Amino acid sequence: MNNSGITPALDRIVILPEPLEEVSKGGIVIPDTVNAEHGLAQFFGTLIAVGPDCWTDYSQPAAKVGDRVMYAKYTGAYVVGEDGISYRLMNDRDITATCTEGVSYSALSARKPLGERND
């Protein structure tokens, strides 16, 4: 599954980021400025590789290779693999959650500040 050519060391992990949604399911084009504003906190991606010391400070692993995970936007480093794809290299503790494919923050209601949402 790891065709990146990147083998993380120590407690580092490699994540393949999901692209940001450019058009909503209803056909609304989402401008880059809106994606930038509402993607400030978290991004989604697939855990591709883990270093040999990952999660040794914890009672159990936070995720396993192949899991869809959330991570902070500004964490880690962008690295282009030998396959030409952009990956994120970060610490194991930078994973904030595992989630299913149904989890998203792309609904228009989720794009408004909490005080302005209707849910």
PDB file of N, CA and C in Angstrom:
ATOM      1  N   MET A   1       0.811  -1.189   0.000  1.00  0.00           N
ATOM      2  CA  MET A   1       0.000   0.000   0.000  1.00  0.00           C
ATOM      3  C   MET A   1       0.863   1.265   0.000  1.00  0.00           C
ATOM      4  N   ASN A   2       2.092   1.203   0.520  1.00  0.00           N
ATOM      5  CA  ASN A   2       2.970   2.372   0.566  1.00  0.00           C
ATOM      6  C   ASN A   2       3.855   2.394  -0.670  1.00  0.00           C
ATOM      7  N   ASN A   3       3.399   3.124  -1.692  1.00  0.00           N
ATOM      8  CA  ASN A   3       4.182   3.268  -2.919  1.00  0.00           C
ATOM      9  C   ASN A   3       4.947   4.581  -2.943  1.00  0.00           C
ATOM     10  N   SER A   4       4.983   5.268  -1.789  1.00  0.00           N
ATOM     11  CA  SER A   4       5.587   6.595  -1.731  1.00  0.00           C
ATOM     12  C   SER A   4       7.111   6.564  -1.755  1.00  0.00           C
ATOM     13  N   GLY A   5       7.692   5.479  -1.298  1.00  0.00           N
ATOM     14  CA  GLY A   5       9.139   5.440  -1.128  1.00  0.00           C
ATOM     15  C   GLY A   5       9.571   6.096   0.175  1.00  0.00           C
ATOM     16  N   ILE A   6       8.608   6.481   1.008  1.00  0.00           N
ATOM     17  CA  ILE A   6       8.885   7.138   2.290  1.00  0.00           C
ATOM     18  C   ILE A   6       8.707   6.116   3.401  1.00  0.00           C
ATOM     19  N   THR A   7       9.760   5.866   4.149  1.00  0.00           N
ATOM     20  CA  THR A   7       9.693   4.978   5.312  1.00  0.00           C
ATOM     21  C   THR A   7       9.909   5.824   6.545  1.00  0.00           C
ATOM     22  N   PRO A   8       8.850   6.032   7.346  1.00  0.00           N
ATOM     23  CA  PRO A   8       8.995   6.904   8.506  1.00  0.00           C
ATOM     24  C   PRO A   8       9.905   6.305   9.572  1.00  0.00           C
ATOM     25  N   ALA A   9      10.654   7.157  10.240  1.00  0.00           N
ATOM     26  CA  ALA A   9      11.539   6.743  11.330  1.00  0.00           C
ATOM     27  C   ALA A   9      10.877   7.045  12.672  1.00  0.00           C
ATOM     28  N   LEU A  10      11.345   6.349  13.693  1.00  0.00           N
ATOM     29  CA  LEU A  10      10.925   6.592  15.072  1.00  0.00           C
ATOM     30  C   LEU A  10       9.407   6.616  15.209  1.00  0.00           C
ATOM     31  N   ASP A  11       8.847   7.729  15.733  1.00  0.00           N
ATOM     32  CA  ASP A  11       7.407   7.803  15.969  1.00  0.00           C
ATOM     33  C   ASP A  11       6.690   8.611  14.891  1.00  0.00           C
ATOM     34  N   ARG A  12       7.241   8.611  13.690  1.00  0.00           N
ATOM     35  CA  ARG A  12       6.639   9.363  12.582  1.00  0.00           C
ATOM     36  C   ARG A  12       5.684   8.474  11.791  1.00  0.00           C
ATOM     37  N   ILE A  13       4.718   9.142  11.122  1.00  0.00           N
ATOM     38  CA  ILE A  13       3.752   8.453  10.280  1.00  0.00           C
ATOM     39  C   ILE A  13       3.677   9.150   8.929  1.00  0.00           C
ATOM     40  N   VAL A  14       3.172   8.434   7.932  1.00  0.00           N
ATOM     41  CA  VAL A  14       2.948   9.003   6.601  1.00  0.00           C
ATOM     42  C   VAL A  14       1.456   8.925   6.316  1.00  0.00           C
ATOM     43  N   ILE A  15       0.885  10.054   5.910  1.00  0.00           N
ATOM     44  CA  ILE A  15      -0.538  10.134   5.585  1.00  0.00           C
ATOM     45  C   ILE A  15      -0.704  10.613   4.152  1.00  0.00           C
ATOM     46  N   LEU A  16      -1.623   9.979   3.429  1.00  0.00           N
ATOM     47  CA  LEU A  16      -2.023  10.440   2.101  1.00  0.00           C
ATOM     48  C   LEU A  16      -3.248  11.328   2.295  1.00  0.00           C
ATOM     49  N   PRO A  17      -3.098  12.659   2.133  1.00  0.00           N
ATOM     50  CA  PRO A  17      -4.224  13.562   2.369  1.00  0.00           C
ATOM     51  C   PRO A  17      -5.330  13.379   1.334  1.00  0.00           C
ATOM     52  N   GLU A  18      -6.573  13.558   1.792  1.00  0.00           N
ATOM     53  CA  GLU A  18      -7.706  13.587   0.870  1.00  0.00           C
ATOM     54  C   GLU A  18      -7.769  14.979   0.249  1.00  0.00           C
ATOM     55  N   PRO A  19      -8.135  15.055  -1.017  1.00  0.00           N
ATOM     56  CA  PRO A  19      -8.278  16.388  -1.618  1.00  0.00           C
ATOM     57  C   PRO A  19      -9.480  17.107  -1.020  1.00  0.00           C
ATOM     58  N   LEU A  20      -9.398  18.429  -0.919  1.00  0.00           N
ATOM     59  CA  LEU A  20     -10.531  19.212  -0.448  1.00  0.00           C
ATOM     60  C   LEU A  20     -11.619  19.205  -1.516  1.00  0.00           C
ATOM     61  N   GLU A  21     -12.861  19.159  -1.066  1.00  0.00           N
ATOM     62  CA  GLU A  21     -13.998  19.162  -1.970  1.00  0.00           C
ATOM     63  C   GLU A  21     -14.049  20.500  -2.705  1.00  0.00           C
ATOM     64  N   GLU A  22     -14.154  20.451  -4.043  1.00  0.00           N
ATOM     65  CA  GLU A  22     -14.215  21.679  -4.831  1.00  0.00           C
ATOM     66  C   GLU A  22     -15.635  21.997  -5.274  1.00  0.00           C
ATOM     67  N   VAL A  23     -16.488  20.959  -5.336  1.00  0.00           N
ATOM     68  CA  VAL A  23     -17.894  21.128  -5.704  1.00  0.00           C
ATOM     69  C   VAL A  23     -18.715  20.316  -4.714  1.00  0.00           C
ATOM     70  N   SER A  24     -19.736  20.954  -4.129  1.00  0.00           N
ATOM     71  CA  SER A  24     -20.583  20.236  -3.172  1.00  0.00           C
ATOM     72  C   SER A  24     -21.419  19.186  -3.898  1.00  0.00           C
ATOM     73  N   LYS A  25     -22.019  18.271  -3.138  1.00  0.00           N
ATOM     74  CA  LYS A  25     -22.871  17.240  -3.731  1.00  0.00           C
ATOM     75  C   LYS A  25     -24.045  17.858  -4.474  1.00  0.00           C
ATOM     76  N   GLY A  26     -24.454  19.049  -4.083  1.00  0.00           N
ATOM     77  CA  GLY A  26     -25.556  19.752  -4.747  1.00  0.00           C
ATOM     78  C   GLY A  26     -25.106  20.554  -5.962  1.00  0.00           C
ATOM     79  N   GLY A  27     -23.807  20.518  -6.284  1.00  0.00           N
ATOM     80  CA  GLY A  27     -23.297  21.193  -7.464  1.00  0.00           C
ATOM     81  C   GLY A  27     -22.781  22.602  -7.225  1.00  0.00           C
ATOM     82  N   ILE A  28     -22.701  23.017  -5.968  1.00  0.00           N
ATOM     83  CA  ILE A  28     -22.213  24.356  -5.657  1.00  0.00           C
ATOM     84  C   ILE A  28     -20.688  24.348  -5.673  1.00  0.00           C
ATOM     85  N   VAL A  29     -20.103  25.264  -6.429  1.00  0.00           N
ATOM     86  CA  VAL A  29     -18.647  25.378  -6.478  1.00  0.00           C
ATOM     87  C   VAL A  29     -18.184  26.033  -5.174  1.00  0.00           C
ATOM     88  N   ILE A  30     -17.242  25.391  -4.516  1.00  0.00           N
ATOM     89  CA  ILE A  30     -16.722  25.884  -3.238  1.00  0.00           C
ATOM     90  C   ILE A  30     -15.415  26.625  -3.510  1.00  0.00           C
ATOM     91  N   PRO A  31     -15.411  27.947  -3.308  1.00  0.00           N
ATOM     92  CA  PRO A  31     -14.186  28.720  -3.582  1.00  0.00           C
ATOM     93  C   PRO A  31     -13.041  28.312  -2.657  1.00  0.00           C
ATOM     94  N   ASP A  32     -11.821  28.510  -3.117  1.00  0.00           N
ATOM     95  CA  ASP A  32     -10.640  28.203  -2.307  1.00  0.00           C
ATOM     96  C   ASP A  32     -10.652  28.962  -0.984  1.00  0.00           C
ATOM     97  N   THR A  33     -11.156  30.202  -1.002  1.00  0.00           N
ATOM     98  CA  THR A  33     -11.187  30.984   0.234  1.00  0.00           C
ATOM     99  C   THR A  33     -12.083  30.343   1.283  1.00  0.00           C
ATOM    100  N   VAL A  34     -13.186  29.745   0.852  1.00  0.00           N
ATOM    101  CA  VAL A  34     -14.090  29.073   1.789  1.00  0.00           C
ATOM    102  C   VAL A  34     -13.435  27.813   2.319  1.00  0.00           C
ATOM    103  N   ASN A  35     -12.814  27.025   1.444  1.00  0.00           N
ATOM    104  CA  ASN A  35     -12.106  25.818   1.892  1.00  0.00           C
ATOM    105  C   ASN A  35     -10.987  26.174   2.856  1.00  0.00           C
ATOM    106  N   ALA A  36     -10.274  27.248   2.577  1.00  0.00           N
ATOM    107  CA  ALA A  36      -9.183  27.663   3.471  1.00  0.00           C
ATOM    108  C   ALA A  36      -9.728  28.064   4.835  1.00  0.00           C
ATOM    109  N   GLU A  37     -10.845  28.776   4.844  1.00  0.00           N
ATOM    110  CA  GLU A  37     -11.429  29.236   6.104  1.00  0.00           C
ATOM    111  C   GLU A  37     -11.950  28.074   6.946  1.00  0.00           C
ATOM    112  N   HIS A  38     -12.600  27.103   6.316  1.00  0.00           N
ATOM    113  CA  HIS A  38     -13.240  26.037   7.074  1.00  0.00           C
ATOM    114  C   HIS A  38     -12.377  24.783   7.210  1.00  0.00           C
ATOM    115  N   GLY A  39     -11.248  24.774   6.578  1.00  0.00           N
ATOM    116  CA  GLY A  39     -10.327  23.665   6.750  1.00  0.00           C
ATOM    117  C   GLY A  39      -9.211  23.990   7.718  1.00  0.00           C
ATOM    118  N   LEU A  40      -9.377  25.040   8.503  1.00  0.00           N
ATOM    119  CA  LEU A  40      -8.304  25.477   9.392  1.00  0.00           C
ATOM    120  C   LEU A  40      -7.966  24.455  10.456  1.00  0.00           C
ATOM    121  N   ALA A  41      -8.956  23.753  10.969  1.00  0.00           N
ATOM    122  CA  ALA A  41      -8.712  22.897  12.125  1.00  0.00           C
ATOM    123  C   ALA A  41      -8.219  21.505  11.749  1.00  0.00           C
ATOM    124  N   GLN A  42      -8.925  20.808  10.895  1.00  0.00           N
ATOM    125  CA  GLN A  42      -8.638  19.401  10.642  1.00  0.00           C
ATOM    126  C   GLN A  42      -8.691  19.065   9.160  1.00  0.00           C
ATOM    127  N   PHE A  43      -7.938  18.054   8.793  1.00  0.00           N
ATOM    128  CA  PHE A  43      -7.995  17.461   7.461  1.00  0.00           C
ATOM    129  C   PHE A  43      -8.183  15.961   7.615  1.00  0.00           C
ATOM    130  N   PHE A  44      -8.593  15.317   6.527  1.00  0.00           N
ATOM    131  CA  PHE A  44      -8.736  13.871   6.474  1.00  0.00           C
ATOM    132  C   PHE A  44      -7.639  13.285   5.589  1.00  0.00           C
ATOM    133  N   GLY A  45      -7.278  12.042   5.852  1.00  0.00           N
ATOM    134  CA  GLY A  45      -6.323  11.345   5.014  1.00  0.00           C
ATOM    135  C   GLY A  45      -6.289   9.870   5.369  1.00  0.00           C
ATOM    136  N   THR A  46      -5.505   9.115   4.625  1.00  0.00           N
ATOM    137  CA  THR A  46      -5.337   7.682   4.861  1.00  0.00           C
ATOM    138  C   THR A  46      -3.947   7.432   5.416  1.00  0.00           C
ATOM    139  N   LEU A  47      -3.893   6.701   6.516  1.00  0.00           N
ATOM    140  CA  LEU A  47      -2.605   6.348   7.120  1.00  0.00           C
ATOM    141  C   LEU A  47      -1.914   5.332   6.216  1.00  0.00           C
ATOM    142  N   ILE A  48      -0.743   5.683   5.718  1.00  0.00           N
ATOM    143  CA  ILE A  48      -0.017   4.861   4.739  1.00  0.00           C
ATOM    144  C   ILE A  48       1.099   4.049   5.379  1.00  0.00           C
ATOM    145  N   ALA A  49       1.820   4.643   6.338  1.00  0.00           N
ATOM    146  CA  ALA A  49       2.957   3.947   6.950  1.00  0.00           C
ATOM    147  C   ALA A  49       3.198   4.487   8.352  1.00  0.00           C
ATOM    148  N   VAL A  50       3.744   3.639   9.215  1.00  0.00           N
ATOM    149  CA  VAL A  50       4.075   4.035  10.591  1.00  0.00           C
ATOM    150  C   VAL A  50       5.515   3.645  10.898  1.00  0.00           C
ATOM    151  N   GLY A  51       6.156   4.484  11.706  1.00  0.00           N
ATOM    152  CA  GLY A  51       7.521   4.191  12.132  1.00  0.00           C
ATOM    153  C   GLY A  51       7.539   3.122  13.213  1.00  0.00           C
ATOM    154  N   PRO A  52       8.708   2.566  13.502  1.00  0.00           N
ATOM    155  CA  PRO A  52       8.810   1.454  14.460  1.00  0.00           C
ATOM    156  C   PRO A  52       8.480   1.823  15.902  1.00  0.00           C
ATOM    157  N   ASP A  53       8.533   3.105  16.249  1.00  0.00           N
ATOM    158  CA  ASP A  53       8.260   3.522  17.624  1.00  0.00           C
ATOM    159  C   ASP A  53       6.896   4.189  17.798  1.00  0.00           C
ATOM    160  N   CYS A  54       6.026   4.068  16.814  1.00  0.00           N
ATOM    161  CA  CYS A  54       4.710   4.698  16.909  1.00  0.00           C
ATOM    162  C   CYS A  54       3.904   4.108  18.057  1.00  0.00           C
ATOM    163  N   TRP A  55       3.254   4.996  18.760  1.00  0.00           N
ATOM    164  CA  TRP A  55       2.309   4.681  19.833  1.00  0.00           C
ATOM    165  C   TRP A  55       2.912   3.880  20.981  1.00  0.00           C
ATOM    166  N   THR A  56       4.217   3.931  21.165  1.00  0.00           N
ATOM    167  CA  THR A  56       4.819   3.217  22.297  1.00  0.00           C
ATOM    168  C   THR A  56       4.521   3.920  23.616  1.00  0.00           C
ATOM    169  N   ASP A  57       4.123   5.197  23.555  1.00  0.00           N
ATOM    170  CA  ASP A  57       3.788   5.939  24.767  1.00  0.00           C
ATOM    171  C   ASP A  57       2.330   5.756  25.176  1.00  0.00           C
ATOM    172  N   TYR A  58       1.596   4.973  24.428  1.00  0.00           N
ATOM    173  CA  TYR A  58       0.162   4.827  24.655  1.00  0.00           C
ATOM    174  C   TYR A  58      -0.196   3.361  24.900  1.00  0.00           C
ATOM    175  N   SER A  59      -1.369   3.133  25.473  1.00  0.00           N
ATOM    176  CA  SER A  59      -1.781   1.767  25.785  1.00  0.00           C
ATOM    177  C   SER A  59      -2.156   0.978  24.538  1.00  0.00           C
ATOM    178  N   GLN A  60      -2.552   1.683  23.465  1.00  0.00           N
ATOM    179  CA  GLN A  60      -2.888   1.002  22.209  1.00  0.00           C
ATOM    180  C   GLN A  60      -2.672   1.959  21.040  1.00  0.00           C
ATOM    181  N   PRO A  61      -2.534   1.430  19.841  1.00  0.00           N
ATOM    182  CA  PRO A  61      -2.342   2.302  18.677  1.00  0.00           C
ATOM    183  C   PRO A  61      -3.561   3.188  18.433  1.00  0.00           C
ATOM    184  N   ALA A  62      -3.322   4.402  17.990  1.00  0.00           N
ATOM    185  CA  ALA A  62      -4.411   5.324  17.664  1.00  0.00           C
ATOM    186  C   ALA A  62      -5.067   4.957  16.342  1.00  0.00           C
ATOM    187  N   ALA A  63      -4.325   4.307  15.462  1.00  0.00           N
ATOM    188  CA  ALA A  63      -4.841   3.932  14.143  1.00  0.00           C
ATOM    189  C   ALA A  63      -3.930   2.863  13.567  1.00  0.00           C
ATOM    190  N   LYS A  64      -4.411   2.237  12.504  1.00  0.00           N
ATOM    191  CA  LYS A  64      -3.589   1.241  11.800  1.00  0.00           C
ATOM    192  C   LYS A  64      -3.486   1.637  10.329  1.00  0.00           C
ATOM    193  N   VAL A  65      -2.490   1.126   9.660  1.00  0.00           N
ATOM    194  CA  VAL A  65      -2.299   1.421   8.246  1.00  0.00           C
ATOM    195  C   VAL A  65      -3.583   1.084   7.495  1.00  0.00           C
ATOM    196  N   GLY A  66      -4.009   2.018   6.659  1.00  0.00           N
ATOM    197  CA  GLY A  66      -5.236   1.859   5.883  1.00  0.00           C
ATOM    198  C   GLY A  66      -6.422   2.602   6.473  1.00  0.00           C
ATOM    199  N   ASP A  67      -6.325   3.023   7.741  1.00  0.00           N
ATOM    200  CA  ASP A  67      -7.416   3.761   8.384  1.00  0.00           C
ATOM    201  C   ASP A  67      -7.533   5.169   7.811  1.00  0.00           C
ATOM    202  N   ARG A  68      -8.780   5.659   7.767  1.00  0.00           N
ATOM    203  CA  ARG A  68      -9.036   7.058   7.445  1.00  0.00           C
ATOM    204  C   ARG A  68      -8.914   7.828   8.756  1.00  0.00           C
ATOM    205  N   VAL A  69      -8.075   8.859   8.757  1.00  0.00           N
ATOM    206  CA  VAL A  69      -7.784   9.584   9.986  1.00  0.00           C
ATOM    207  C   VAL A  69      -7.979  11.084   9.796  1.00  0.00           C
ATOM    208  N   MET A  70      -8.131  11.771  10.942  1.00  0.00           N
ATOM    209  CA  MET A  70      -8.138  13.235  10.959  1.00  0.00           C
ATOM    210  C   MET A  70      -6.831  13.701  11.586  1.00  0.00           C
ATOM    211  N   TYR A  71      -6.350  14.848  11.120  1.00  0.00           N
ATOM    212  CA  TYR A  71      -5.117  15.414  11.664  1.00  0.00           C
ATOM    213  C   TYR A  71      -5.171  16.924  11.530  1.00  0.00           C
ATOM    214  N   ALA A  72      -4.395  17.611  12.326  1.00  0.00           N
ATOM    215  CA  ALA A  72      -4.376  19.069  12.311  1.00  0.00           C
ATOM    216  C   ALA A  72      -3.772  19.583  11.008  1.00  0.00           C
ATOM    217  N   LYS A  73      -4.351  20.663  10.512  1.00  0.00           N
ATOM    218  CA  LYS A  73      -3.954  21.214   9.220  1.00  0.00           C
ATOM    219  C   LYS A  73      -2.481  21.589   9.135  1.00  0.00           C
ATOM    220  N   TYR A  74      -1.950  22.227  10.157  1.00  0.00           N
ATOM    221  CA  TYR A  74      -0.587  22.757  10.071  1.00  0.00           C
ATOM    222  C   TYR A  74       0.470  21.845  10.673  1.00  0.00           C
ATOM    223  N   THR A  75       0.152  20.602  10.876  1.00  0.00           N
ATOM    224  CA  THR A  75       1.121  19.693  11.474  1.00  0.00           C
ATOM    225  C   THR A  75       1.929  18.983  10.390  1.00  0.00           C
ATOM    226  N   GLY A  76       3.137  18.614  10.731  1.00  0.00           N
ATOM    227  CA  GLY A  76       3.955  17.811   9.835  1.00  0.00           C
ATOM    228  C   GLY A  76       4.528  18.576   8.658  1.00  0.00           C
ATOM    229  N   ALA A  77       5.049  17.800   7.722  1.00  0.00           N
ATOM    230  CA  ALA A  77       5.702  18.365   6.540  1.00  0.00           C
ATOM    231  C   ALA A  77       5.114  17.741   5.280  1.00  0.00           C
ATOM    232  N   TYR A  78       5.012  18.543   4.237  1.00  0.00           N
ATOM    233  CA  TYR A  78       4.603  18.015   2.936  1.00  0.00           C
ATOM    234  C   TYR A  78       5.818  17.365   2.294  1.00  0.00           C
ATOM    235  N   VAL A  79       5.628  16.167   1.768  1.00  0.00           N
ATOM    236  CA  VAL A  79       6.711  15.437   1.114  1.00  0.00           C
ATOM    237  C   VAL A  79       6.152  14.814  -0.157  1.00  0.00           C
ATOM    238  N   VAL A  80       6.847  14.997  -1.274  1.00  0.00           N
ATOM    239  CA  VAL A  80       6.423  14.365  -2.518  1.00  0.00           C
ATOM    240  C   VAL A  80       7.145  13.030  -2.627  1.00  0.00           C
ATOM    241  N   GLY A  81       6.357  11.969  -2.723  1.00  0.00           N
ATOM    242  CA  GLY A  81       6.926  10.630  -2.821  1.00  0.00           C
ATOM    243  C   GLY A  81       7.515  10.354  -4.183  1.00  0.00           C
ATOM    244  N   GLU A  82       8.213   9.227  -4.292  1.00  0.00           N
ATOM    245  CA  GLU A  82       8.806   8.880  -5.593  1.00  0.00           C
ATOM    246  C   GLU A  82       7.738   8.571  -6.625  1.00  0.00           C
ATOM    247  N   ASP A  83       6.475   8.378  -6.175  1.00  0.00           N
ATOM    248  CA  ASP A  83       5.362   8.164  -7.094  1.00  0.00           C
ATOM    249  C   ASP A  83       4.743   9.479  -7.571  1.00  0.00           C
ATOM    250  N   GLY A  84       5.313  10.644  -7.125  1.00  0.00           N
ATOM    251  CA  GLY A  84       4.840  11.950  -7.560  1.00  0.00           C
ATOM    252  C   GLY A  84       3.647  12.481  -6.772  1.00  0.00           C
ATOM    253  N   ILE A  85       3.195  11.762  -5.750  1.00  0.00           N
ATOM    254  CA  ILE A  85       2.044  12.150  -4.948  1.00  0.00           C
ATOM    255  C   ILE A  85       2.528  12.862  -3.689  1.00  0.00           C
ATOM    256  N   SER A  86       1.769  13.877  -3.265  1.00  0.00           N
ATOM    257  CA  SER A  86       2.116  14.640  -2.065  1.00  0.00           C
ATOM    258  C   SER A  86       1.579  13.935  -0.822  1.00  0.00           C
ATOM    259  N   TYR A  87       2.436  13.722   0.156  1.00  0.00           N
ATOM    260  CA  TYR A  87       2.103  13.065   1.417  1.00  0.00           C
ATOM    261  C   TYR A  87       2.391  14.020   2.565  1.00  0.00           C
ATOM    262  N   ARG A  88       1.915  13.652   3.754  1.00  0.00           N
ATOM    263  CA  ARG A  88       2.251  14.387   4.974  1.00  0.00           C
ATOM    264  C   ARG A  88       3.037  13.457   5.874  1.00  0.00           C
ATOM    265  N   LEU A  89       4.161  13.931   6.372  1.00  0.00           N
ATOM    266  CA  LEU A  89       4.997  13.213   7.325  1.00  0.00           C
ATOM    267  C   LEU A  89       4.857  13.939   8.654  1.00  0.00           C
ATOM    268  N   MET A  90       4.382  13.231   9.700  1.00  0.00           N
ATOM    269  CA  MET A  90       4.114  13.885  10.976  1.00  0.00           C
ATOM    270  C   MET A  90       4.331  12.937  12.135  1.00  0.00           C
ATOM    271  N   ASN A  91       4.186  13.434  13.346  1.00  0.00           N
ATOM    272  CA  ASN A  91       4.297  12.621  14.556  1.00  0.00           C
ATOM    273  C   ASN A  91       3.033  11.782  14.755  1.00  0.00           C
ATOM    274  N   ASP A  92       3.172  10.647  15.421  1.00  0.00           N
ATOM    275  CA  ASP A  92       2.014   9.786  15.663  1.00  0.00           C
ATOM    276  C   ASP A  92       0.943  10.493  16.493  1.00  0.00           C
ATOM    277  N   ARG A  93       1.329  11.360  17.390  1.00  0.00           N
ATOM    278  CA  ARG A  93       0.363  12.040  18.256  1.00  0.00           C
ATOM    279  C   ARG A  93      -0.464  13.086  17.515  1.00  0.00           C
ATOM    280  N   ASP A  94      -0.125  13.376  16.253  1.00  0.00           N
ATOM    281  CA  ASP A  94      -0.864  14.370  15.484  1.00  0.00           C
ATOM    282  C   ASP A  94      -2.165  13.830  14.895  1.00  0.00           C
ATOM    283  N   ILE A  95      -2.385  12.523  14.983  1.00  0.00           N
ATOM    284  CA  ILE A  95      -3.677  11.976  14.592  1.00  0.00           C
ATOM    285  C   ILE A  95      -4.672  12.319  15.694  1.00  0.00           C
ATOM    286  N   THR A  96      -5.782  12.939  15.318  1.00  0.00           N
ATOM    287  CA  THR A  96      -6.772  13.348  16.312  1.00  0.00           C
ATOM    288  C   THR A  96      -7.970  12.409  16.362  1.00  0.00           C
ATOM    289  N   ALA A  97      -8.201  11.606  15.312  1.00  0.00           N
ATOM    290  CA  ALA A  97      -9.333  10.674  15.309  1.00  0.00           C
ATOM    291  C   ALA A  97      -9.217   9.733  14.117  1.00  0.00           C
ATOM    292  N   THR A  98      -9.864   8.588  14.224  1.00  0.00           N
ATOM    293  CA  THR A  98     -10.120   7.749  13.063  1.00  0.00           C
ATOM    294  C   THR A  98     -11.586   7.937  12.730  1.00  0.00           C
ATOM    295  N   CYS A  99     -11.954   7.835  11.473  1.00  0.00           N
ATOM    296  CA  CYS A  99     -13.344   8.066  11.095  1.00  0.00           C
ATOM    297  C   CYS A  99     -13.698   7.293   9.833  1.00  0.00           C
ATOM    298  N   THR A 100     -14.982   7.056   9.674  1.00  0.00           N
ATOM    299  CA  THR A 100     -15.489   6.343   8.508  1.00  0.00           C
ATOM    300  C   THR A 100     -15.618   7.299   7.329  1.00  0.00           C
ATOM    301  N   GLU A 101     -15.926   6.757   6.180  1.00  0.00           N
ATOM    302  CA  GLU A 101     -16.080   7.571   4.971  1.00  0.00           C
ATOM    303  C   GLU A 101     -17.244   8.551   5.080  1.00  0.00           C
ATOM    304  N   GLY A 102     -18.237   8.238   5.922  1.00  0.00           N
ATOM    305  CA  GLY A 102     -19.402   9.108   6.063  1.00  0.00           C
ATOM    306  C   GLY A 102     -19.149  10.373   6.846  1.00  0.00           C
ATOM    307  N   VAL A 103     -18.017  10.457   7.543  1.00  0.00           N
ATOM    308  CA  VAL A 103     -17.701  11.643   8.341  1.00  0.00           C
ATOM    309  C   VAL A 103     -17.138  12.716   7.412  1.00  0.00           C
ATOM    310  N   SER A 104     -17.686  13.925   7.540  1.00  0.00           N
ATOM    311  CA  SER A 104     -17.264  15.013   6.670  1.00  0.00           C
ATOM    312  C   SER A 104     -17.516  16.343   7.347  1.00  0.00           C
ATOM    313  N   TYR A 105     -16.802  17.341   6.936  1.00  0.00           N
ATOM    314  CA  TYR A 105     -17.108  18.694   7.351  1.00  0.00           C
ATOM    315  C   TYR A 105     -17.410  19.535   6.124  1.00  0.00           C
ATOM    316  N   SER A 106     -17.912  18.881   5.058  1.00  0.00           N
ATOM    317  CA  SER A 106     -18.162  19.590   3.818  1.00  0.00           C
ATOM    318  C   SER A 106     -19.606  20.041   3.651  1.00  0.00           C
ATOM    319  N   ALA A 107     -20.505  19.673   4.583  1.00  0.00           N
ATOM    320  CA  ALA A 107     -21.876  20.154   4.489  1.00  0.00           C
ATOM    321  C   ALA A 107     -21.868  21.674   4.647  1.00  0.00           C
ATOM    322  N   LEU A 108     -22.743  22.357   3.925  1.00  0.00           N
ATOM    323  CA  LEU A 108     -22.756  23.816   3.997  1.00  0.00           C
ATOM    324  C   LEU A 108     -23.011  24.304   5.409  1.00  0.00           C
ATOM    325  N   SER A 109     -23.833  23.590   6.193  1.00  0.00           N
ATOM    326  CA  SER A 109     -24.089  24.022   7.557  1.00  0.00           C
ATOM    327  C   SER A 109     -22.830  23.939   8.413  1.00  0.00           C
ATOM    328  N   ALA A 110     -21.948  23.002   8.087  1.00  0.00           N
ATOM    329  CA  ALA A 110     -20.706  22.861   8.841  1.00  0.00           C
ATOM    330  C   ALA A 110     -19.709  23.950   8.464  1.00  0.00           C
ATOM    331  N   ARG A 111     -19.970  24.660   7.409  1.00  0.00           N
ATOM    332  CA  ARG A 111     -19.063  25.706   6.954  1.00  0.00           C
ATOM    333  C   ARG A 111     -19.345  27.048   7.597  1.00  0.00           C
ATOM    334  N   LYS A 112     -20.353  27.119   8.461  1.00  0.00           N
ATOM    335  CA  LYS A 112     -20.664  28.358   9.169  1.00  0.00           C
ATOM    336  C   LYS A 112     -20.143  28.266  10.590  1.00  0.00           C
ATOM    337  N   PRO A 113     -19.823  29.401  11.193  1.00  0.00           N
ATOM    338  CA  PRO A 113     -19.420  29.367  12.598  1.00  0.00           C
ATOM    339  C   PRO A 113     -20.525  28.779  13.458  1.00  0.00           C
ATOM    340  N   LEU A 114     -20.167  28.151  14.584  1.00  0.00           N
ATOM    341  CA  LEU A 114     -21.131  27.471  15.437  1.00  0.00           C
ATOM    342  C   LEU A 114     -22.337  28.337  15.787  1.00  0.00           C
ATOM    343  N   GLY A 115     -22.152  29.595  16.080  1.00  0.00           N
ATOM    344  CA  GLY A 115     -23.254  30.466  16.459  1.00  0.00           C
ATOM    345  C   GLY A 115     -24.242  30.727  15.343  1.00  0.00           C
ATOM    346  N   GLU A 116     -23.861  30.436  14.092  1.00  0.00           N
ATOM    347  CA  GLU A 116     -24.720  30.698  12.953  1.00  0.00           C
ATOM    348  C   GLU A 116     -25.321  29.440  12.346  1.00  0.00           C
ATOM    349  N   ARG A 117     -25.014  28.275  12.900  1.00  0.00           N
ATOM    350  CA  ARG A 117     -25.522  27.021  12.342  1.00  0.00           C
ATOM    351  C   ARG A 117     -26.966  26.786  12.769  1.00  0.00           C
ATOM    352  N   ASN A 118     -27.690  26.023  11.960  1.00  0.00           N
ATOM    353  CA  ASN A 118     -29.103  25.730  12.230  1.00  0.00           C
ATOM    354  C   ASN A 118     -29.333  24.380  12.853  1.00  0.00           C
ATOM    355  N   ASP A 119     -28.302  23.677  13.304  1.00  0.00           N
ATOM    356  CA  ASP A 119     -28.499  22.346  13.866  1.00  0.00           C
ATOM    357  C   ASP A 119     -28.299  22.331  15.304  1.00  0.00           C
TER     358      ASP A 119
END
